[in-house]
Amino acid sequence: MVIVDDDPMVRTGLRLILGGEPDLELAGEAADGRQAMAVIRDLRPDVVLMDIRMPHQDGLTTTELLLQSPSPPKILVLTTFDADDMVLRALQLGAHGFLLKDTPPPKMIEAVRACARGEPVLSPSVAQQVIAAATGRHDPRRPQALEELSRLTDREREVAVEIAKGGSNTEIAADLCVSVATVKANITRIFAKLGTDNRVHVAMKVRDAGLV
C-alpha cells in the first residue's frame, strides 16, 4: 500500500491508522503525483490511497496515468468532500472507490482490505450523493441508459439497483433472499452486458436511467 497526499499530517494520520494492521503493509508514501509515479513504479503496491488536489501533478492526472499502465494498482481516492467533481472524474476513469478523510478508522481499515480483495469501495453514506451529483446534470443520457439496462434480466436489474444503493455482495444477497454466489454470478453477467468491470459505472448507469 502507498499513501499519496501533500499534507504531512494526513499521511501521518493514515500511517497510524493503517500501519498497525498485521495484514496491511505500508510500503511507501508520496507528497504529490510526480513522486507517486516514481514510488509506485518502484514498489508496485496493490493499493494506492490517492489524494486529488496536490501540487506539481494532481491526483486525477496521476490516477489516469497509473490506470493506463500494465498491471495497475487499485486506487482509492481520498477526499474531504463527498461530491467533488474531480472525485467523480477519478471514479469514471476507473478508480476503485473513494474514502472521506474523516472516515472512522475501523471503516477505513475495512475499506482498504475490501479494495485489496478487489471489491470496489462504495460507502453507502456518501455513494448516493456522489452518484447523484455525477448523473443529475445528464438527463439526456436517460434514454441510452434505459436502453442499455433493458439488456438485463429482471434479477440482474434488481442486483444493479442494489449496487447503486451501495450494497455489498452480502447485503444484496440478504435483501434479495439469494446466495452470495448468485449475486456474484449476476454481477458478472451485468458487467458483460454493460461492457464494464466497475461497480461505480453500473451504479451511475442505474442513476442515469432514474431507477434509484
N, C-alpha and C. Protein backbone atom coordinates (compact mmCIF):
# COMPACT_ATOMS: atom_id res chain seq x y z
N MET A 1 0.84 -1.19 0.00
CA MET A 1 0.00 0.00 0.00
C MET A 1 0.88 1.24 0.00
N VAL A 2 0.49 2.24 -0.80
CA VAL A 2 1.19 3.52 -0.84
C VAL A 2 0.18 4.65 -0.57
N ILE A 3 0.59 5.61 0.26
CA ILE A 3 -0.24 6.78 0.57
C ILE A 3 0.28 7.97 -0.23
N VAL A 4 -0.61 8.65 -0.95
CA VAL A 4 -0.23 9.81 -1.74
C VAL A 4 -1.07 11.00 -1.29
N ASP A 5 -0.43 11.95 -0.60
CA ASP A 5 -1.14 13.13 -0.09
C ASP A 5 -0.11 14.22 0.18
N ASP A 6 -0.43 15.45 -0.18
CA ASP A 6 0.54 16.53 0.02
C ASP A 6 0.56 17.06 1.44
N ASP A 7 -0.39 16.65 2.27
CA ASP A 7 -0.45 17.11 3.66
C ASP A 7 0.26 16.09 4.56
N PRO A 8 1.38 16.46 5.16
CA PRO A 8 2.12 15.50 6.00
C PRO A 8 1.31 15.02 7.20
N MET A 9 0.40 15.88 7.70
CA MET A 9 -0.43 15.46 8.83
C MET A 9 -1.40 14.36 8.42
N VAL A 10 -1.94 14.47 7.21
CA VAL A 10 -2.83 13.43 6.71
C VAL A 10 -2.06 12.12 6.55
N ARG A 11 -0.87 12.20 5.97
CA ARG A 11 -0.07 10.98 5.79
C ARG A 11 0.26 10.35 7.14
N THR A 12 0.58 11.19 8.13
CA THR A 12 0.89 10.66 9.46
C THR A 12 -0.33 9.97 10.06
N GLY A 13 -1.49 10.60 9.92
CA GLY A 13 -2.71 10.01 10.46
C GLY A 13 -3.04 8.68 9.81
N LEU A 14 -2.91 8.62 8.50
CA LEU A 14 -3.19 7.38 7.79
C LEU A 14 -2.18 6.30 8.16
N ARG A 15 -0.92 6.72 8.33
CA ARG A 15 0.12 5.77 8.73
C ARG A 15 -0.20 5.16 10.08
N LEU A 16 -0.67 5.99 11.02
CA LEU A 16 -1.01 5.49 12.35
C LEU A 16 -2.22 4.57 12.32
N ILE A 17 -3.19 4.91 11.47
CA ILE A 17 -4.42 4.11 11.39
C ILE A 17 -4.16 2.76 10.73
N LEU A 18 -3.42 2.79 9.62
CA LEU A 18 -3.28 1.59 8.80
C LEU A 18 -2.01 0.80 9.07
N GLY A 19 -0.99 1.47 9.57
CA GLY A 19 0.30 0.83 9.71
C GLY A 19 0.37 -0.25 10.77
N GLY A 20 -0.56 -0.23 11.72
CA GLY A 20 -0.52 -1.22 12.79
C GLY A 20 -1.27 -2.50 12.50
N GLU A 21 -1.91 -2.57 11.32
CA GLU A 21 -2.67 -3.77 10.98
C GLU A 21 -1.74 -4.83 10.40
N PRO A 22 -1.75 -6.04 10.97
CA PRO A 22 -0.79 -7.07 10.52
C PRO A 22 -0.95 -7.48 9.07
N ASP A 23 -2.16 -7.33 8.50
CA ASP A 23 -2.39 -7.77 7.12
C ASP A 23 -2.28 -6.63 6.11
N LEU A 24 -1.94 -5.42 6.60
CA LEU A 24 -1.77 -4.28 5.70
C LEU A 24 -0.34 -3.77 5.79
N GLU A 25 0.37 -3.81 4.69
CA GLU A 25 1.76 -3.36 4.68
C GLU A 25 1.85 -1.99 4.02
N LEU A 26 2.29 -1.00 4.77
CA LEU A 26 2.51 0.34 4.23
C LEU A 26 3.90 0.38 3.60
N ALA A 27 3.94 0.34 2.28
CA ALA A 27 5.23 0.23 1.58
C ALA A 27 5.91 1.57 1.37
N GLY A 28 5.11 2.65 1.22
CA GLY A 28 5.73 3.94 0.96
C GLY A 28 4.72 5.06 0.92
N GLU A 29 5.24 6.29 0.73
CA GLU A 29 4.42 7.49 0.70
C GLU A 29 4.93 8.42 -0.39
N ALA A 30 4.08 9.34 -0.82
CA ALA A 30 4.47 10.37 -1.77
C ALA A 30 3.68 11.64 -1.47
N ALA A 31 4.28 12.80 -1.74
CA ALA A 31 3.66 14.09 -1.42
C ALA A 31 3.00 14.74 -2.63
N ASP A 32 3.18 14.21 -3.81
CA ASP A 32 2.50 14.73 -4.99
C ASP A 32 2.49 13.66 -6.07
N GLY A 33 1.82 13.96 -7.17
CA GLY A 33 1.64 12.96 -8.21
C GLY A 33 2.93 12.52 -8.86
N ARG A 34 3.85 13.45 -9.07
CA ARG A 34 5.11 13.08 -9.71
C ARG A 34 5.90 12.12 -8.83
N GLN A 35 5.98 12.42 -7.55
CA GLN A 35 6.65 11.49 -6.64
C GLN A 35 5.94 10.15 -6.63
N ALA A 36 4.62 10.21 -6.66
CA ALA A 36 3.83 8.98 -6.61
C ALA A 36 4.15 8.05 -7.76
N MET A 37 4.29 8.61 -8.97
CA MET A 37 4.58 7.76 -10.13
C MET A 37 5.88 6.99 -9.93
N ALA A 38 6.90 7.66 -9.40
CA ALA A 38 8.18 7.00 -9.18
C ALA A 38 8.10 5.97 -8.07
N VAL A 39 7.46 6.34 -6.96
CA VAL A 39 7.34 5.43 -5.82
C VAL A 39 6.56 4.18 -6.20
N ILE A 40 5.44 4.39 -6.89
CA ILE A 40 4.57 3.26 -7.25
C ILE A 40 5.26 2.38 -8.29
N ARG A 41 6.00 2.99 -9.19
CA ARG A 41 6.73 2.21 -10.19
C ARG A 41 7.76 1.31 -9.52
N ASP A 42 8.40 1.83 -8.47
CA ASP A 42 9.43 1.04 -7.78
C ASP A 42 8.84 -0.03 -6.86
N LEU A 43 7.77 0.34 -6.13
CA LEU A 43 7.24 -0.54 -5.09
C LEU A 43 6.13 -1.47 -5.59
N ARG A 44 5.42 -1.09 -6.65
CA ARG A 44 4.34 -1.89 -7.22
C ARG A 44 3.34 -2.35 -6.15
N PRO A 45 2.72 -1.40 -5.45
CA PRO A 45 1.75 -1.76 -4.40
C PRO A 45 0.45 -2.29 -5.00
N ASP A 46 -0.29 -3.01 -4.17
CA ASP A 46 -1.62 -3.49 -4.59
C ASP A 46 -2.65 -2.37 -4.52
N VAL A 47 -2.52 -1.49 -3.51
CA VAL A 47 -3.50 -0.44 -3.26
C VAL A 47 -2.79 0.90 -3.11
N VAL A 48 -3.39 1.96 -3.68
CA VAL A 48 -2.89 3.32 -3.51
C VAL A 48 -4.01 4.18 -2.96
N LEU A 49 -3.73 4.88 -1.86
CA LEU A 49 -4.65 5.89 -1.34
C LEU A 49 -4.25 7.21 -1.97
N MET A 50 -5.10 7.77 -2.81
CA MET A 50 -4.73 8.88 -3.68
C MET A 50 -5.52 10.16 -3.36
N ASP A 51 -4.80 11.18 -2.86
CA ASP A 51 -5.41 12.50 -2.71
C ASP A 51 -5.64 13.08 -4.10
N ILE A 52 -6.57 14.01 -4.22
CA ILE A 52 -6.88 14.58 -5.52
C ILE A 52 -6.15 15.89 -5.76
N ARG A 53 -6.26 16.82 -4.82
CA ARG A 53 -5.66 18.14 -5.02
C ARG A 53 -4.24 18.16 -4.44
N MET A 54 -3.25 18.16 -5.36
CA MET A 54 -1.85 18.16 -4.96
C MET A 54 -1.06 19.04 -5.92
N PRO A 55 0.07 19.58 -5.50
CA PRO A 55 0.91 20.37 -6.40
C PRO A 55 1.64 19.50 -7.41
N HIS A 56 2.16 20.16 -8.45
CA HIS A 56 3.01 19.54 -9.48
C HIS A 56 2.23 18.60 -10.40
N GLN A 57 1.53 17.65 -9.83
CA GLN A 57 0.69 16.75 -10.64
C GLN A 57 -0.44 16.26 -9.75
N ASP A 58 -1.68 16.62 -10.10
CA ASP A 58 -2.79 16.29 -9.21
C ASP A 58 -3.13 14.80 -9.26
N GLY A 59 -3.99 14.41 -8.33
CA GLY A 59 -4.34 13.00 -8.22
C GLY A 59 -5.13 12.48 -9.40
N LEU A 60 -5.86 13.36 -10.07
CA LEU A 60 -6.65 12.94 -11.22
C LEU A 60 -5.74 12.51 -12.37
N THR A 61 -4.76 13.36 -12.69
CA THR A 61 -3.79 13.02 -13.74
C THR A 61 -3.01 11.77 -13.37
N THR A 62 -2.61 11.69 -12.11
CA THR A 62 -1.84 10.53 -11.66
C THR A 62 -2.66 9.26 -11.74
N THR A 63 -3.92 9.33 -11.35
CA THR A 63 -4.81 8.17 -11.44
C THR A 63 -4.94 7.70 -12.88
N GLU A 64 -5.14 8.65 -13.78
CA GLU A 64 -5.31 8.28 -15.19
C GLU A 64 -4.05 7.61 -15.73
N LEU A 65 -2.89 8.17 -15.41
CA LEU A 65 -1.64 7.59 -15.90
C LEU A 65 -1.41 6.20 -15.33
N LEU A 66 -1.68 6.04 -14.03
CA LEU A 66 -1.46 4.75 -13.39
C LEU A 66 -2.38 3.68 -13.97
N LEU A 67 -3.62 4.04 -14.22
CA LEU A 67 -4.58 3.06 -14.70
C LEU A 67 -4.36 2.70 -16.16
N GLN A 68 -3.53 3.47 -16.85
CA GLN A 68 -3.17 3.13 -18.23
C GLN A 68 -1.93 2.24 -18.29
N SER A 69 -1.27 2.06 -17.16
CA SER A 69 -0.04 1.28 -17.12
C SER A 69 -0.35 -0.21 -17.00
N PRO A 70 0.59 -1.08 -17.36
CA PRO A 70 0.38 -2.51 -17.20
C PRO A 70 0.23 -2.88 -15.72
N SER A 71 -0.68 -3.78 -15.41
CA SER A 71 -0.90 -4.26 -14.03
C SER A 71 -1.01 -3.09 -13.04
N PRO A 72 -1.96 -2.20 -13.25
CA PRO A 72 -2.06 -1.02 -12.37
C PRO A 72 -2.53 -1.40 -10.98
N PRO A 73 -2.22 -0.57 -9.98
CA PRO A 73 -2.73 -0.82 -8.62
C PRO A 73 -4.20 -0.44 -8.54
N LYS A 74 -4.84 -0.88 -7.49
CA LYS A 74 -6.19 -0.43 -7.20
C LYS A 74 -6.07 0.93 -6.49
N ILE A 75 -6.89 1.87 -6.91
CA ILE A 75 -6.77 3.23 -6.40
C ILE A 75 -8.01 3.63 -5.62
N LEU A 76 -7.80 4.04 -4.37
CA LEU A 76 -8.85 4.61 -3.54
C LEU A 76 -8.63 6.12 -3.47
N VAL A 77 -9.60 6.88 -3.90
CA VAL A 77 -9.49 8.33 -3.90
C VAL A 77 -9.73 8.86 -2.49
N LEU A 78 -8.84 9.72 -2.04
CA LEU A 78 -9.01 10.39 -0.74
C LEU A 78 -9.58 11.78 -0.98
N THR A 79 -10.64 12.13 -0.26
CA THR A 79 -11.26 13.42 -0.48
C THR A 79 -11.84 13.97 0.81
N THR A 80 -11.92 15.29 0.88
CA THR A 80 -12.57 15.95 2.01
C THR A 80 -14.06 16.11 1.75
N PHE A 81 -14.44 16.15 0.47
CA PHE A 81 -15.83 16.39 0.08
C PHE A 81 -16.39 15.17 -0.61
N ASP A 82 -17.68 14.90 -0.37
CA ASP A 82 -18.27 13.68 -0.90
C ASP A 82 -18.93 13.86 -2.26
N ALA A 83 -18.89 15.04 -2.84
CA ALA A 83 -19.47 15.23 -4.17
C ALA A 83 -18.57 16.15 -4.98
N ASP A 84 -17.30 15.88 -4.95
CA ASP A 84 -16.30 16.68 -5.63
C ASP A 84 -16.19 16.24 -7.09
N ASP A 85 -16.22 17.20 -8.03
CA ASP A 85 -16.18 16.86 -9.45
C ASP A 85 -14.95 16.05 -9.81
N MET A 86 -13.82 16.36 -9.19
CA MET A 86 -12.60 15.63 -9.52
C MET A 86 -12.67 14.19 -9.02
N VAL A 87 -13.34 13.99 -7.89
CA VAL A 87 -13.53 12.61 -7.40
C VAL A 87 -14.40 11.84 -8.37
N LEU A 88 -15.47 12.47 -8.85
CA LEU A 88 -16.35 11.81 -9.81
C LEU A 88 -15.58 11.44 -11.07
N ARG A 89 -14.72 12.32 -11.51
CA ARG A 89 -13.94 12.04 -12.70
C ARG A 89 -12.99 10.86 -12.45
N ALA A 90 -12.39 10.82 -11.28
CA ALA A 90 -11.49 9.72 -10.94
C ALA A 90 -12.24 8.39 -10.97
N LEU A 91 -13.46 8.37 -10.47
CA LEU A 91 -14.27 7.16 -10.48
C LEU A 91 -14.59 6.76 -11.91
N GLN A 92 -14.90 7.74 -12.75
CA GLN A 92 -15.19 7.44 -14.14
C GLN A 92 -13.96 6.88 -14.86
N LEU A 93 -12.79 7.30 -14.43
CA LEU A 93 -11.56 6.80 -15.03
C LEU A 93 -11.27 5.36 -14.64
N GLY A 94 -11.90 4.90 -13.55
CA GLY A 94 -11.69 3.52 -13.13
C GLY A 94 -11.15 3.34 -11.74
N ALA A 95 -11.06 4.44 -10.95
CA ALA A 95 -10.66 4.28 -9.55
C ALA A 95 -11.63 3.33 -8.86
N HIS A 96 -11.12 2.56 -7.90
CA HIS A 96 -11.93 1.52 -7.26
C HIS A 96 -12.89 2.05 -6.21
N GLY A 97 -12.80 3.32 -5.88
CA GLY A 97 -13.72 3.87 -4.91
C GLY A 97 -13.16 5.12 -4.28
N PHE A 98 -13.77 5.54 -3.20
CA PHE A 98 -13.33 6.76 -2.54
C PHE A 98 -13.48 6.62 -1.04
N LEU A 99 -12.67 7.37 -0.34
CA LEU A 99 -12.73 7.43 1.11
C LEU A 99 -12.73 8.89 1.54
N LEU A 100 -13.65 9.26 2.39
CA LEU A 100 -13.57 10.57 3.01
C LEU A 100 -12.45 10.55 4.03
N LYS A 101 -11.73 11.66 4.13
CA LYS A 101 -10.57 11.69 5.02
C LYS A 101 -10.98 11.59 6.49
N ASP A 102 -12.24 11.86 6.81
CA ASP A 102 -12.69 11.74 8.19
C ASP A 102 -13.44 10.42 8.43
N THR A 103 -13.25 9.44 7.53
CA THR A 103 -13.84 8.12 7.75
C THR A 103 -13.31 7.53 9.06
N PRO A 104 -14.18 6.99 9.91
CA PRO A 104 -13.70 6.37 11.16
C PRO A 104 -12.66 5.30 10.88
N PRO A 105 -11.62 5.22 11.71
CA PRO A 105 -10.53 4.26 11.46
C PRO A 105 -10.97 2.83 11.16
N PRO A 106 -11.90 2.23 11.93
CA PRO A 106 -12.27 0.85 11.60
C PRO A 106 -12.85 0.70 10.20
N LYS A 107 -13.66 1.68 9.78
CA LYS A 107 -14.24 1.61 8.44
C LYS A 107 -13.19 1.85 7.36
N MET A 108 -12.22 2.71 7.67
CA MET A 108 -11.16 2.96 6.70
C MET A 108 -10.31 1.70 6.52
N ILE A 109 -10.00 1.03 7.61
CA ILE A 109 -9.22 -0.21 7.53
C ILE A 109 -9.95 -1.26 6.70
N GLU A 110 -11.24 -1.41 6.97
CA GLU A 110 -12.01 -2.41 6.23
C GLU A 110 -12.13 -2.03 4.76
N ALA A 111 -12.23 -0.72 4.47
CA ALA A 111 -12.32 -0.28 3.08
C ALA A 111 -11.05 -0.64 2.32
N VAL A 112 -9.89 -0.43 2.94
CA VAL A 112 -8.63 -0.78 2.29
C VAL A 112 -8.54 -2.29 2.08
N ARG A 113 -8.98 -3.06 3.07
CA ARG A 113 -8.97 -4.52 2.92
C ARG A 113 -9.89 -4.95 1.78
N ALA A 114 -11.07 -4.34 1.71
CA ALA A 114 -12.01 -4.68 0.65
C ALA A 114 -11.42 -4.35 -0.72
N CYS A 115 -10.78 -3.21 -0.82
CA CYS A 115 -10.16 -2.82 -2.09
C CYS A 115 -9.06 -3.81 -2.47
N ALA A 116 -8.26 -4.22 -1.49
CA ALA A 116 -7.18 -5.18 -1.76
C ALA A 116 -7.75 -6.52 -2.25
N ARG A 117 -8.97 -6.84 -1.80
CA ARG A 117 -9.62 -8.07 -2.25
C ARG A 117 -10.24 -7.92 -3.64
N GLY A 118 -10.19 -6.70 -4.17
CA GLY A 118 -10.77 -6.45 -5.49
C GLY A 118 -12.20 -5.99 -5.45
N GLU A 119 -12.68 -5.59 -4.27
CA GLU A 119 -14.06 -5.12 -4.13
C GLU A 119 -14.07 -3.60 -4.17
N PRO A 120 -14.69 -2.99 -5.18
CA PRO A 120 -14.76 -1.53 -5.22
C PRO A 120 -15.44 -0.98 -3.97
N VAL A 121 -14.95 0.12 -3.48
CA VAL A 121 -15.45 0.69 -2.22
C VAL A 121 -16.48 1.76 -2.52
N LEU A 122 -17.72 1.48 -2.16
CA LEU A 122 -18.81 2.43 -2.32
C LEU A 122 -19.51 2.57 -0.98
N SER A 123 -19.08 3.51 -0.18
CA SER A 123 -19.69 3.70 1.13
C SER A 123 -21.13 4.16 0.97
N PRO A 124 -22.10 3.43 1.54
CA PRO A 124 -23.50 3.82 1.38
C PRO A 124 -23.79 5.23 1.87
N SER A 125 -23.04 5.71 2.86
CA SER A 125 -23.33 7.03 3.43
C SER A 125 -23.05 8.17 2.47
N VAL A 126 -22.19 7.94 1.49
CA VAL A 126 -21.86 9.01 0.55
C VAL A 126 -22.05 8.62 -0.91
N ALA A 127 -22.22 7.34 -1.19
CA ALA A 127 -22.35 6.91 -2.58
C ALA A 127 -23.53 7.57 -3.26
N GLN A 128 -24.64 7.67 -2.56
CA GLN A 128 -25.83 8.26 -3.18
C GLN A 128 -25.57 9.69 -3.61
N GLN A 129 -24.88 10.48 -2.76
CA GLN A 129 -24.62 11.87 -3.10
C GLN A 129 -23.67 11.99 -4.28
N VAL A 130 -22.64 11.16 -4.30
CA VAL A 130 -21.67 11.21 -5.38
C VAL A 130 -22.31 10.81 -6.70
N ILE A 131 -23.06 9.71 -6.69
CA ILE A 131 -23.68 9.24 -7.92
C ILE A 131 -24.72 10.24 -8.41
N ALA A 132 -25.50 10.80 -7.49
CA ALA A 132 -26.50 11.79 -7.86
C ALA A 132 -25.83 13.01 -8.47
N ALA A 133 -24.74 13.46 -7.88
CA ALA A 133 -24.02 14.62 -8.43
C ALA A 133 -23.47 14.32 -9.80
N ALA A 134 -23.03 13.09 -10.01
CA ALA A 134 -22.43 12.72 -11.29
C ALA A 134 -23.45 12.64 -12.40
N THR A 135 -24.67 12.27 -12.07
CA THR A 135 -25.65 11.99 -13.11
C THR A 135 -26.76 13.02 -13.19
N GLY A 136 -26.92 13.83 -12.16
CA GLY A 136 -28.03 14.77 -12.14
C GLY A 136 -27.98 15.80 -13.24
N ARG A 137 -26.78 16.05 -13.77
CA ARG A 137 -26.64 17.06 -14.81
C ARG A 137 -26.78 16.47 -16.21
N HIS A 138 -27.08 15.15 -16.31
CA HIS A 138 -27.01 14.50 -17.61
C HIS A 138 -28.33 13.81 -17.97
N ASP A 139 -29.43 14.50 -17.86
CA ASP A 139 -30.72 13.92 -18.21
C ASP A 139 -30.75 13.36 -19.63
N PRO A 140 -30.05 13.98 -20.60
CA PRO A 140 -30.07 13.42 -21.95
C PRO A 140 -29.54 11.99 -22.02
N ARG A 141 -28.85 11.54 -21.00
CA ARG A 141 -28.33 10.18 -21.01
C ARG A 141 -29.37 9.13 -20.65
N ARG A 142 -30.51 9.58 -20.16
CA ARG A 142 -31.50 8.62 -19.66
C ARG A 142 -31.96 7.62 -20.72
N PRO A 143 -32.33 8.05 -21.92
CA PRO A 143 -32.77 7.06 -22.91
C PRO A 143 -31.71 6.01 -23.20
N GLN A 144 -30.47 6.42 -23.33
CA GLN A 144 -29.40 5.46 -23.60
C GLN A 144 -29.22 4.51 -22.42
N ALA A 145 -29.27 5.07 -21.19
CA ALA A 145 -29.11 4.23 -20.01
C ALA A 145 -30.24 3.20 -19.92
N LEU A 146 -31.44 3.63 -20.19
CA LEU A 146 -32.58 2.70 -20.14
C LEU A 146 -32.43 1.61 -21.20
N GLU A 147 -31.95 2.00 -22.39
CA GLU A 147 -31.75 1.02 -23.44
C GLU A 147 -30.71 -0.01 -23.04
N GLU A 148 -29.61 0.44 -22.43
CA GLU A 148 -28.55 -0.48 -22.02
C GLU A 148 -29.04 -1.40 -20.90
N LEU A 149 -29.79 -0.85 -19.96
CA LEU A 149 -30.29 -1.67 -18.85
C LEU A 149 -31.37 -2.64 -19.30
N SER A 150 -31.99 -2.37 -20.44
CA SER A 150 -33.02 -3.29 -20.95
C SER A 150 -32.41 -4.62 -21.36
N ARG A 151 -31.08 -4.67 -21.51
CA ARG A 151 -30.41 -5.92 -21.85
C ARG A 151 -30.36 -6.88 -20.66
N LEU A 152 -30.59 -6.34 -19.47
CA LEU A 152 -30.51 -7.16 -18.26
C LEU A 152 -31.80 -7.91 -18.01
N THR A 153 -31.70 -9.06 -17.36
CA THR A 153 -32.88 -9.76 -16.89
C THR A 153 -33.46 -9.00 -15.69
N ASP A 154 -34.65 -9.38 -15.27
CA ASP A 154 -35.26 -8.73 -14.12
C ASP A 154 -34.37 -8.87 -12.88
N ARG A 155 -33.83 -10.06 -12.66
CA ARG A 155 -32.96 -10.28 -11.50
C ARG A 155 -31.69 -9.47 -11.60
N GLU A 156 -31.08 -9.43 -12.78
CA GLU A 156 -29.87 -8.64 -12.96
C GLU A 156 -30.14 -7.16 -12.72
N ARG A 157 -31.31 -6.70 -13.14
CA ARG A 157 -31.65 -5.29 -12.92
C ARG A 157 -31.84 -5.02 -11.43
N GLU A 158 -32.42 -5.96 -10.71
CA GLU A 158 -32.56 -5.80 -9.26
C GLU A 158 -31.19 -5.70 -8.60
N VAL A 159 -30.26 -6.54 -9.03
CA VAL A 159 -28.91 -6.50 -8.46
C VAL A 159 -28.25 -5.18 -8.81
N ALA A 160 -28.42 -4.71 -10.04
CA ALA A 160 -27.83 -3.43 -10.44
C ALA A 160 -28.35 -2.28 -9.58
N VAL A 161 -29.63 -2.30 -9.28
CA VAL A 161 -30.22 -1.25 -8.42
C VAL A 161 -29.62 -1.32 -7.02
N GLU A 162 -29.44 -2.53 -6.51
CA GLU A 162 -28.83 -2.69 -5.19
C GLU A 162 -27.39 -2.18 -5.18
N ILE A 163 -26.67 -2.41 -6.27
CA ILE A 163 -25.32 -1.87 -6.39
C ILE A 163 -25.36 -0.35 -6.30
N ALA A 164 -26.32 0.26 -6.99
CA ALA A 164 -26.44 1.72 -6.98
C ALA A 164 -26.76 2.26 -5.59
N LYS A 165 -27.37 1.42 -4.77
CA LYS A 165 -27.68 1.83 -3.40
C LYS A 165 -26.48 1.66 -2.46
N GLY A 166 -25.39 1.12 -3.00
CA GLY A 166 -24.17 0.97 -2.21
C GLY A 166 -24.04 -0.34 -1.46
N GLY A 167 -24.87 -1.31 -1.79
CA GLY A 167 -24.85 -2.58 -1.06
C GLY A 167 -23.66 -3.45 -1.41
N SER A 168 -23.12 -4.13 -0.41
CA SER A 168 -22.07 -5.12 -0.65
C SER A 168 -22.73 -6.39 -1.18
N ASN A 169 -21.91 -7.33 -1.65
CA ASN A 169 -22.47 -8.59 -2.15
C ASN A 169 -23.30 -9.30 -1.08
N THR A 170 -22.81 -9.28 0.15
CA THR A 170 -23.53 -9.93 1.25
C THR A 170 -24.85 -9.24 1.53
N GLU A 171 -24.84 -7.91 1.52
CA GLU A 171 -26.08 -7.15 1.77
C GLU A 171 -27.09 -7.35 0.65
N ILE A 172 -26.60 -7.38 -0.59
CA ILE A 172 -27.51 -7.61 -1.72
C ILE A 172 -28.14 -8.99 -1.63
N ALA A 173 -27.33 -9.99 -1.28
CA ALA A 173 -27.85 -11.35 -1.14
C ALA A 173 -28.96 -11.41 -0.10
N ALA A 174 -28.74 -10.73 1.04
CA ALA A 174 -29.74 -10.72 2.10
C ALA A 174 -31.01 -10.00 1.66
N ASP A 175 -30.86 -8.87 0.99
CA ASP A 175 -32.03 -8.09 0.56
C ASP A 175 -32.86 -8.83 -0.48
N LEU A 176 -32.20 -9.58 -1.35
CA LEU A 176 -32.91 -10.26 -2.44
C LEU A 176 -33.20 -11.73 -2.12
N CYS A 177 -32.77 -12.17 -0.94
CA CYS A 177 -33.01 -13.55 -0.49
C CYS A 177 -32.40 -14.57 -1.46
N VAL A 178 -31.16 -14.31 -1.84
CA VAL A 178 -30.43 -15.25 -2.68
C VAL A 178 -29.05 -15.46 -2.06
N SER A 179 -28.28 -16.37 -2.62
CA SER A 179 -26.94 -16.62 -2.10
C SER A 179 -25.95 -15.58 -2.62
N VAL A 180 -24.84 -15.44 -1.92
CA VAL A 180 -23.79 -14.53 -2.37
C VAL A 180 -23.25 -14.99 -3.73
N ALA A 181 -23.16 -16.30 -3.91
CA ALA A 181 -22.69 -16.83 -5.20
C ALA A 181 -23.60 -16.40 -6.34
N THR A 182 -24.91 -16.40 -6.08
CA THR A 182 -25.87 -15.95 -7.09
C THR A 182 -25.68 -14.48 -7.41
N VAL A 183 -25.44 -13.67 -6.37
CA VAL A 183 -25.19 -12.25 -6.58
C VAL A 183 -23.95 -12.05 -7.44
N LYS A 184 -22.87 -12.76 -7.12
CA LYS A 184 -21.63 -12.63 -7.88
C LYS A 184 -21.84 -13.02 -9.34
N ALA A 185 -22.60 -14.08 -9.56
CA ALA A 185 -22.87 -14.53 -10.93
C ALA A 185 -23.64 -13.47 -11.70
N ASN A 186 -24.63 -12.87 -11.04
CA ASN A 186 -25.41 -11.81 -11.68
C ASN A 186 -24.55 -10.60 -12.00
N ILE A 187 -23.65 -10.25 -11.07
CA ILE A 187 -22.78 -9.10 -11.30
C ILE A 187 -21.85 -9.36 -12.49
N THR A 188 -21.34 -10.58 -12.60
CA THR A 188 -20.50 -10.93 -13.75
C THR A 188 -21.26 -10.73 -15.06
N ARG A 189 -22.53 -11.16 -15.09
CA ARG A 189 -23.34 -11.00 -16.31
C ARG A 189 -23.66 -9.53 -16.57
N ILE A 190 -23.91 -8.77 -15.49
CA ILE A 190 -24.19 -7.34 -15.64
C ILE A 190 -22.98 -6.64 -16.25
N PHE A 191 -21.80 -6.93 -15.72
CA PHE A 191 -20.58 -6.33 -16.25
C PHE A 191 -20.43 -6.64 -17.74
N ALA A 192 -20.67 -7.89 -18.11
CA ALA A 192 -20.51 -8.30 -19.50
C ALA A 192 -21.50 -7.57 -20.41
N LYS A 193 -22.74 -7.47 -19.96
CA LYS A 193 -23.77 -6.85 -20.80
C LYS A 193 -23.60 -5.34 -20.91
N LEU A 194 -23.04 -4.72 -19.87
CA LEU A 194 -22.86 -3.26 -19.89
C LEU A 194 -21.46 -2.87 -20.34
N GLY A 195 -20.61 -3.86 -20.59
CA GLY A 195 -19.27 -3.57 -21.08
C GLY A 195 -18.40 -2.85 -20.08
N THR A 196 -18.44 -3.28 -18.82
CA THR A 196 -17.65 -2.64 -17.77
C THR A 196 -17.15 -3.69 -16.80
N ASP A 197 -16.22 -3.29 -15.92
CA ASP A 197 -15.81 -4.16 -14.82
C ASP A 197 -15.80 -3.37 -13.53
N ASN A 198 -16.64 -2.33 -13.48
CA ASN A 198 -16.61 -1.37 -12.39
C ASN A 198 -18.01 -1.16 -11.83
N ARG A 199 -18.18 -1.41 -10.53
CA ARG A 199 -19.49 -1.23 -9.90
C ARG A 199 -19.94 0.22 -9.95
N VAL A 200 -19.00 1.15 -9.89
CA VAL A 200 -19.36 2.56 -9.95
C VAL A 200 -20.06 2.88 -11.26
N HIS A 201 -19.53 2.34 -12.36
CA HIS A 201 -20.15 2.58 -13.66
C HIS A 201 -21.57 2.01 -13.71
N VAL A 202 -21.75 0.84 -13.12
CA VAL A 202 -23.10 0.26 -13.08
C VAL A 202 -24.03 1.17 -12.28
N ALA A 203 -23.55 1.63 -11.14
CA ALA A 203 -24.37 2.49 -10.28
C ALA A 203 -24.75 3.79 -11.00
N MET A 204 -23.80 4.38 -11.71
CA MET A 204 -24.08 5.61 -12.42
C MET A 204 -25.06 5.38 -13.57
N LYS A 205 -24.96 4.22 -14.22
CA LYS A 205 -25.90 3.90 -15.29
C LYS A 205 -27.32 3.75 -14.73
N VAL A 206 -27.44 3.13 -13.57
CA VAL A 206 -28.75 2.99 -12.92
C VAL A 206 -29.30 4.37 -12.56
N ARG A 207 -28.45 5.25 -12.07
CA ARG A 207 -28.85 6.61 -11.74
C ARG A 207 -29.28 7.37 -13.00
N ASP A 208 -28.50 7.24 -14.07
CA ASP A 208 -28.84 7.88 -15.34
C ASP A 208 -30.25 7.48 -15.78
N ALA A 209 -30.56 6.20 -15.57
CA ALA A 209 -31.86 5.67 -16.01
C ALA A 209 -33.00 6.08 -15.08
N GLY A 210 -32.66 6.66 -13.94
CA GLY A 210 -33.69 7.10 -13.00
C GLY A 210 -34.31 5.99 -12.19
N LEU A 211 -33.58 4.86 -12.04
CA LEU A 211 -34.14 3.72 -11.32
C LEU A 211 -33.96 3.80 -9.81
N VAL A 212 -33.13 4.73 -9.34
CA VAL A 212 -32.99 4.97 -7.89
C VAL A 212 -32.93 6.47 -7.67
